């Protein structure tokens, strides 16, 4: 824990403005994915650094002349804290969220080069993300993946399986491959295989989730 007021202030300035900016950014978007705690902390620290760098033109003339005597200038410090620790992160984050929304297809900035939209405009989450991130796929279960050309593959989703969600390219690895009958149902495990990998779900029409029947 910080031992002094100054140390506590440094810790707060390293996290709070970035956290407020990130929260406002999420509120300014039409979509947002639930982040991990570690991701929130890392992004908050990085955003705080960006905020303070962008506000250097304001911080230097306001605080530098009284840098060794801040306790005797409480109103000056309070005004700086309101601007740099609250108003700038919240307003900036919200505006940035609205801006990145416009980089998506159908937005006003979709005509920008693809590399700009890819780097600044995160991939919108899909139902694939929502189901996997919320843990709604039973473990274990069997998945029957049908492609747009009518072909099917199947495998067991359980220990050893992996899924990739947005913003990366969607994909799935099933720990054990199953053969598929003409009726579209798994029939039996395929011997001598270490699983089945579907590295790209762009051509997938549907994924059927099969679980063991509940006892009567």
Protein backbone atom coordinates (compact mmCIF):
# COMPACT_ATOMS: atom_id res chain seq x y z
CA UNK A 1 0.00 0.00 0.00
CA UNK A 2 1.22 3.55 -0.67
CA UNK A 3 2.96 4.98 2.40
CA UNK A 4 2.37 8.67 1.74
CA UNK A 5 -0.29 10.94 0.32
CA UNK A 6 1.93 11.68 -2.68
CA UNK A 7 2.40 7.99 -3.40
CA UNK A 8 -1.33 7.39 -3.16
CA UNK A 9 -1.98 10.28 -5.54
CA UNK A 10 0.49 8.82 -8.05
CA UNK A 11 -1.23 5.42 -7.92
CA UNK A 12 -4.65 6.99 -8.39
CA UNK A 13 -3.49 9.11 -11.32
CA UNK A 14 -1.94 6.04 -12.92
CA UNK A 15 -5.23 4.11 -12.88
CA UNK A 16 -8.33 6.27 -12.32
CA UNK A 17 -8.20 8.54 -15.41
CA UNK A 18 -7.58 5.55 -17.67
CA UNK A 19 -10.35 3.55 -16.03
CA UNK A 20 -12.79 6.43 -16.49
CA UNK A 21 -11.69 6.86 -20.11
CA UNK A 22 -12.13 3.15 -20.80
CA UNK A 23 -15.57 3.06 -19.14
CA UNK A 24 -16.70 6.13 -21.10
CA UNK A 25 -15.33 4.56 -24.29
CA UNK A 26 -17.45 1.44 -23.69
CA UNK A 27 -20.55 3.58 -23.00
CA UNK A 28 -19.98 5.44 -26.25
CA UNK A 29 -20.03 2.26 -28.32
CA UNK A 30 -22.91 0.21 -29.62
CA UNK A 31 -21.07 -2.92 -28.49
CA UNK A 32 -18.39 -3.92 -26.03
CA UNK A 33 -16.96 -7.22 -24.86
CA UNK A 34 -16.61 -8.05 -21.16
CA UNK A 35 -12.87 -7.78 -20.35
CA UNK A 36 -10.83 -9.70 -17.82
CA UNK A 37 -9.70 -7.92 -14.64
CA UNK A 38 -6.09 -7.95 -15.81
CA UNK A 39 -7.06 -6.44 -19.14
CA UNK A 40 -8.97 -3.64 -17.38
CA UNK A 41 -5.96 -2.76 -15.21
CA UNK A 42 -3.46 -2.83 -18.09
CA UNK A 43 -5.71 -0.78 -20.36
CA UNK A 44 -6.45 1.70 -17.56
CA UNK A 45 -2.75 2.31 -16.87
CA UNK A 46 -2.01 2.70 -20.58
CA UNK A 47 -4.96 5.05 -21.09
CA UNK A 48 -3.92 7.13 -18.06
CA UNK A 49 -0.45 7.58 -19.57
CA UNK A 50 -1.97 8.71 -22.88
CA UNK A 51 -4.31 11.13 -21.10
CA UNK A 52 -1.47 12.73 -19.14
CA UNK A 53 0.73 13.03 -22.22
CA UNK A 54 -2.05 14.70 -24.20
CA UNK A 55 -2.71 17.10 -21.31
CA UNK A 56 0.93 18.06 -20.81
CA UNK A 57 0.20 21.46 -22.42
CA UNK A 58 -2.26 22.08 -19.57
CA UNK A 59 -0.42 20.37 -16.69
CA UNK A 60 2.98 22.04 -17.14
CA UNK A 61 1.88 25.70 -16.88
CA UNK A 62 -0.65 24.95 -14.14
CA UNK A 63 1.38 22.76 -11.77
CA UNK A 64 5.03 23.29 -12.62
CA UNK A 65 5.29 26.82 -11.15
CA UNK A 66 4.00 25.52 -7.79
CA UNK A 67 5.43 22.00 -8.01
CA UNK A 68 7.25 22.24 -4.70
CA UNK A 69 4.39 23.86 -2.83
CA UNK A 70 1.19 22.14 -3.95
CA UNK A 71 -0.29 22.07 -0.43
CA UNK A 72 -0.56 25.86 -0.44
CA UNK A 73 -2.39 25.95 -3.77
CA UNK A 74 -5.37 23.64 -3.19
CA UNK A 75 -7.71 25.34 -5.66
CA UNK A 76 -5.16 25.17 -8.46
CA UNK A 77 -4.56 21.47 -7.74
CA UNK A 78 -8.30 20.80 -7.50
CA UNK A 79 -8.98 22.51 -10.83
CA UNK A 80 -6.23 20.48 -12.49
CA UNK A 81 -7.55 17.24 -10.95
CA UNK A 82 -11.08 17.92 -12.22
CA UNK A 83 -9.85 18.57 -15.76
CA UNK A 84 -7.10 15.93 -16.00
CA UNK A 85 -8.64 13.28 -13.77
CA UNK A 86 -12.32 13.54 -14.64
CA UNK A 87 -13.47 15.73 -17.53
CA UNK A 88 -10.78 14.91 -20.10
CA UNK A 89 -10.84 11.09 -19.59
CA UNK A 90 -14.66 10.85 -19.58
CA UNK A 91 -15.29 13.15 -22.54
CA UNK A 92 -12.31 11.86 -24.50
CA UNK A 93 -13.20 8.23 -23.92
CA UNK A 94 -16.84 8.73 -24.92
CA UNK A 95 -15.93 10.60 -28.10
CA UNK A 96 -13.36 7.93 -29.02
CA UNK A 97 -15.98 5.23 -28.52
CA UNK A 98 -18.36 7.00 -30.90
CA UNK A 99 -15.52 7.52 -33.38
CA UNK A 100 -14.48 3.87 -33.46
CA UNK A 101 -18.12 2.90 -33.99
CA UNK A 102 -18.10 4.90 -37.22
CA UNK A 103 -15.22 2.77 -38.53
CA UNK A 104 -17.48 -0.26 -38.73
CA UNK A 105 -19.37 -1.23 -41.92
CA UNK A 106 -22.21 1.22 -42.39
CA UNK A 107 -20.45 3.93 -40.39
CA UNK A 108 -19.49 7.34 -41.71
CA UNK A 109 -15.78 6.47 -41.67
CA UNK A 110 -16.00 3.09 -43.40
CA UNK A 111 -14.39 4.61 -46.52
CA UNK A 112 -11.06 4.98 -44.69
CA UNK A 113 -8.30 2.51 -45.65
CA UNK A 114 -8.87 -1.01 -44.34
CA UNK A 115 -5.69 -1.01 -42.24
CA UNK A 116 -6.88 2.05 -40.35
CA UNK A 117 -10.31 0.56 -39.69
CA UNK A 118 -8.78 -2.76 -38.65
CA UNK A 119 -6.39 -1.18 -36.14
CA UNK A 120 -8.72 1.48 -34.70
CA UNK A 121 -12.10 -0.21 -35.06
CA UNK A 122 -12.26 -3.46 -33.04
CA UNK A 123 -14.20 -6.37 -34.48
CA UNK A 124 -17.82 -6.36 -33.29
CA UNK A 125 -18.62 -9.40 -31.13
CA UNK A 126 -20.86 -12.08 -32.62
CA UNK A 127 -23.17 -14.73 -31.19
CA UNK A 128 -20.11 -17.03 -31.25
CA UNK A 129 -18.39 -14.68 -28.79
CA UNK A 130 -21.47 -14.28 -26.60
CA UNK A 131 -22.05 -18.02 -26.21
CA UNK A 132 -18.43 -18.91 -25.53
CA UNK A 133 -17.66 -15.98 -23.24
CA UNK A 134 -20.71 -16.68 -21.10
CA UNK A 135 -19.95 -20.41 -20.89
CA UNK A 136 -23.27 -21.48 -22.38
CA UNK A 137 -21.75 -24.34 -24.39
CA UNK A 138 -22.10 -27.44 -22.17
CA UNK A 139 -18.92 -29.25 -21.20
CA UNK A 140 -18.77 -31.99 -22.30
CA UNK A 141 -20.91 -32.12 -25.44
CA UNK A 142 -20.70 -32.99 -29.12
CA UNK A 143 -20.60 -30.31 -31.79
CA UNK A 144 -21.73 -30.94 -35.36
CA UNK A 145 -20.37 -28.19 -37.61
CA UNK A 146 -22.11 -27.75 -40.96
CA UNK A 147 -20.47 -25.69 -43.69
CA UNK A 148 -22.14 -23.67 -46.42
CA UNK A 149 -21.32 -26.38 -49.00
CA UNK A 150 -23.31 -28.93 -46.99
CA UNK A 151 -20.38 -30.90 -45.57
CA UNK A 152 -20.26 -31.66 -41.85
CA UNK A 153 -17.64 -32.45 -39.26
CA UNK A 154 -18.17 -33.39 -35.63
CA UNK A 155 -16.17 -33.68 -32.47
CA UNK A 156 -16.33 -33.69 -28.70
CA UNK A 157 -16.14 -30.34 -26.92
CA UNK A 158 -14.60 -30.83 -23.51
CA UNK A 159 -11.21 -31.15 -21.88
CA UNK A 160 -8.48 -30.21 -24.35
CA UNK A 161 -10.81 -28.27 -26.65
CA UNK A 162 -10.15 -24.63 -27.50
CA UNK A 163 -12.11 -21.75 -29.02
CA UNK A 164 -10.93 -18.45 -30.51
CA UNK A 165 -13.23 -15.42 -30.29
CA UNK A 166 -13.17 -11.78 -31.47
CA UNK A 167 -11.14 -9.78 -32.19
CA UNK A 168 -9.10 -12.75 -33.47
CA UNK A 169 -10.28 -14.93 -36.34
CA UNK A 170 -12.94 -17.31 -35.03
CA UNK A 171 -11.91 -20.94 -34.78
CA UNK A 172 -12.39 -24.09 -32.72
CA UNK A 173 -10.41 -27.18 -31.83
CA UNK A 174 -12.41 -30.23 -30.73
CA UNK A 175 -10.54 -32.73 -28.57
CA UNK A 176 -11.85 -35.84 -30.34
CA UNK A 177 -13.22 -36.28 -33.84
CA UNK A 178 -16.47 -38.15 -34.54
CA UNK A 179 -17.84 -39.49 -37.80
CA UNK A 180 -21.16 -38.07 -39.00
CA UNK A 181 -24.05 -40.12 -40.38
CA UNK A 182 -26.33 -39.21 -43.28
CA UNK A 183 -28.84 -37.83 -40.77
CA UNK A 184 -26.29 -35.29 -39.56
CA UNK A 185 -25.77 -36.97 -36.18
CA UNK A 186 -22.45 -38.19 -34.76
CA UNK A 187 -22.11 -41.95 -34.93
CA UNK A 188 -18.81 -42.96 -33.30
CA UNK A 189 -15.33 -41.62 -32.49
CA UNK A 190 -12.87 -41.69 -35.36
CA UNK A 191 -9.89 -43.87 -34.34
CA UNK A 192 -6.27 -42.75 -34.58
CA UNK A 193 -6.99 -39.00 -34.57
CA UNK A 194 -5.94 -36.33 -32.10
CA UNK A 195 -9.02 -34.17 -32.57
CA UNK A 196 -10.29 -31.87 -35.28
CA UNK A 197 -9.30 -28.25 -35.95
CA UNK A 198 -11.53 -25.72 -37.71
CA UNK A 199 -9.25 -22.66 -38.03
CA UNK A 200 -11.84 -20.41 -39.70
CA UNK A 201 -15.60 -20.32 -39.08
CA UNK A 202 -16.37 -17.91 -41.92
CA UNK A 203 -17.80 -20.71 -44.08
CA UNK A 204 -19.82 -22.31 -41.26
CA UNK A 205 -23.61 -22.37 -41.69
CA UNK A 206 -24.51 -23.75 -38.28
CA UNK A 207 -23.12 -25.51 -35.23
CA UNK A 208 -25.34 -28.07 -33.57
CA UNK A 209 -24.79 -28.71 -29.86
CA UNK A 210 -25.63 -32.22 -28.67
CA UNK A 211 -25.67 -33.19 -24.98
CA UNK A 212 -26.35 -36.45 -23.18
CA UNK A 213 -30.08 -37.01 -22.52
CA UNK A 214 -31.25 -36.25 -19.02
CA UNK A 215 -32.41 -39.23 -16.97
CA UNK A 216 -36.17 -39.77 -16.98
